[in-house]
C-alpha atoms as a PDB file:
ATOM      1  CA  UNK A   1     -73.063  23.521  24.158  1.00  0.00           C
ATOM      2  CA  UNK A   2     -73.080  27.298  24.425  1.00  0.00           C
ATOM      3  CA  UNK A   3     -70.493  29.717  23.035  1.00  0.00           C
ATOM      4  CA  UNK A   4     -70.042  33.330  24.091  1.00  0.00           C
ATOM      5  CA  UNK A   5     -67.621  36.042  23.019  1.00  0.00           C
ATOM      6  CA  UNK A   6     -66.877  39.564  24.164  1.00  0.00           C
ATOM      7  CA  UNK A   7     -64.309  42.077  22.996  1.00  0.00           C
ATOM      8  CA  UNK A   8     -63.074  45.548  23.774  1.00  0.00           C
ATOM      9  CA  UNK A   9     -61.976  47.051  20.470  1.00  0.00           C
ATOM     10  CA  UNK A  10     -60.526  50.133  22.133  1.00  0.00           C
ATOM     11  CA  UNK A  11     -58.243  48.015  24.318  1.00  0.00           C
ATOM     12  CA  UNK A  12     -57.689  45.404  21.597  1.00  0.00           C
ATOM     13  CA  UNK A  13     -58.674  42.457  23.770  1.00  0.00           C
ATOM     14  CA  UNK A  14     -61.417  39.910  24.230  1.00  0.00           C
ATOM     15  CA  UNK A  15     -62.249  36.358  25.205  1.00  0.00           C
ATOM     16  CA  UNK A  16     -64.334  33.418  24.047  1.00  0.00           C
ATOM     17  CA  UNK A  17     -65.984  30.847  26.331  1.00  0.00           C
ATOM     18  CA  UNK A  18     -67.315  27.437  25.316  1.00  0.00           C
ATOM     19  CA  UNK A  19     -69.635  25.898  27.926  1.00  0.00           C
ATOM     20  CA  UNK A  20     -70.458  22.181  27.909  1.00  0.00           C
ATOM     21  CA  UNK A  21     -73.393  21.771  30.300  1.00  0.00           C
ATOM     22  CA  UNK A  22     -73.238  17.966  30.191  1.00  0.00           C
ATOM     23  CA  UNK A  23     -69.432  17.854  30.359  1.00  0.00           C
ATOM     24  CA  UNK A  24     -66.992  16.892  27.627  1.00  0.00           C
ATOM     25  CA  UNK A  25     -63.793  14.902  27.247  1.00  0.00           C
ATOM     26  CA  UNK A  26     -60.852  17.182  26.556  1.00  0.00           C
ATOM     27  CA  UNK A  27     -57.188  17.114  25.695  1.00  0.00           C
ATOM     28  CA  UNK A  28     -54.552  19.762  25.193  1.00  0.00           C
ATOM     29  CA  UNK A  29     -51.329  20.213  23.241  1.00  0.00           C
ATOM     30  CA  UNK A  30     -49.258  23.142  24.491  1.00  0.00           C
ATOM     31  CA  UNK A  31     -46.594  24.381  22.086  1.00  0.00           C
ATOM     32  CA  UNK A  32     -44.372  27.381  21.571  1.00  0.00           C
ATOM     33  CA  UNK A  33     -41.523  29.130  23.273  1.00  0.00           C
ATOM     34  CA  UNK A  34     -43.552  30.924  25.933  1.00  0.00           C
ATOM     35  CA  UNK A  35     -47.051  29.464  26.184  1.00  0.00           C
ATOM     36  CA  UNK A  36     -49.344  30.809  28.852  1.00  0.00           C
ATOM     37  CA  UNK A  37     -51.872  28.308  30.165  1.00  0.00           C
ATOM     38  CA  UNK A  38     -54.001  27.856  33.229  1.00  0.00           C
ATOM     39  CA  UNK A  39     -55.186  24.511  34.610  1.00  0.00           C
ATOM     40  CA  UNK A  40     -54.149  22.557  31.480  1.00  0.00           C
ATOM     41  CA  UNK A  41     -52.057  20.167  33.589  1.00  0.00           C
ATOM     42  CA  UNK A  42     -55.331  18.790  34.947  1.00  0.00           C
ATOM     43  CA  UNK A  43     -56.004  17.302  31.495  1.00  0.00           C
ATOM     44  CA  UNK A  44     -52.981  15.018  31.745  1.00  0.00           C
ATOM     45  CA  UNK A  45     -54.279  11.398  31.611  1.00  0.00           C
ATOM     46  CA  UNK A  46     -52.579  10.561  34.935  1.00  0.00           C
ATOM     47  CA  UNK A  47     -54.807  13.068  36.779  1.00  0.00           C
ATOM     48  CA  UNK A  48     -58.349  12.613  38.065  1.00  0.00           C
ATOM     49  CA  UNK A  49     -60.238  14.997  35.763  1.00  0.00           C
ATOM     50  CA  UNK A  50     -62.559  12.968  33.521  1.00  0.00           C
ATOM     51  CA  UNK A  51     -64.568  15.805  31.956  1.00  0.00           C
ATOM     52  CA  UNK A  52     -64.521  19.566  31.570  1.00  0.00           C
ATOM     53  CA  UNK A  53     -67.454  21.961  31.789  1.00  0.00           C
ATOM     54  CA  UNK A  54     -65.974  24.959  29.972  1.00  0.00           C
ATOM     55  CA  UNK A  55     -63.015  26.280  28.001  1.00  0.00           C
ATOM     56  CA  UNK A  56     -61.995  29.930  27.909  1.00  0.00           C
ATOM     57  CA  UNK A  57     -59.765  31.362  25.203  1.00  0.00           C
ATOM     58  CA  UNK A  58     -58.202  34.747  25.879  1.00  0.00           C
ATOM     59  CA  UNK A  59     -55.366  36.924  24.705  1.00  0.00           C
ATOM     60  CA  UNK A  60     -51.810  36.339  25.810  1.00  0.00           C
ATOM     61  CA  UNK A  61     -50.121  37.959  28.792  1.00  0.00           C
ATOM     62  CA  UNK A  62     -50.880  37.893  32.490  1.00  0.00           C
ATOM     63  CA  UNK A  63     -54.076  39.884  31.829  1.00  0.00           C
ATOM     64  CA  UNK A  64     -55.398  37.149  29.530  1.00  0.00           C
ATOM     65  CA  UNK A  65     -54.646  34.477  32.116  1.00  0.00           C
ATOM     66  CA  UNK A  66     -56.288  36.499  34.882  1.00  0.00           C
ATOM     67  CA  UNK A  67     -59.483  36.881  32.831  1.00  0.00           C
ATOM     68  CA  UNK A  68     -60.492  33.415  34.062  1.00  0.00           C
ATOM     69  CA  UNK A  69     -60.491  34.731  37.637  1.00  0.00           C
ATOM     70  CA  UNK A  70     -63.633  36.714  37.011  1.00  0.00           C
END
């Protein structure tokens, strides 16, 4: 497993990535009044995804979600 983090203190933002080279079993619990997630529905047991290769944690808002786009 590898973990990386980057931040921009001037902009007050950053992200953390956890990479699992050999894959990992994952689950998710989304809570709150206005959660922002991307691709978490794939982790539902009725879907075909058996393992994940990475998880990215970012700040809220559309900019945080778009950080996964590259």
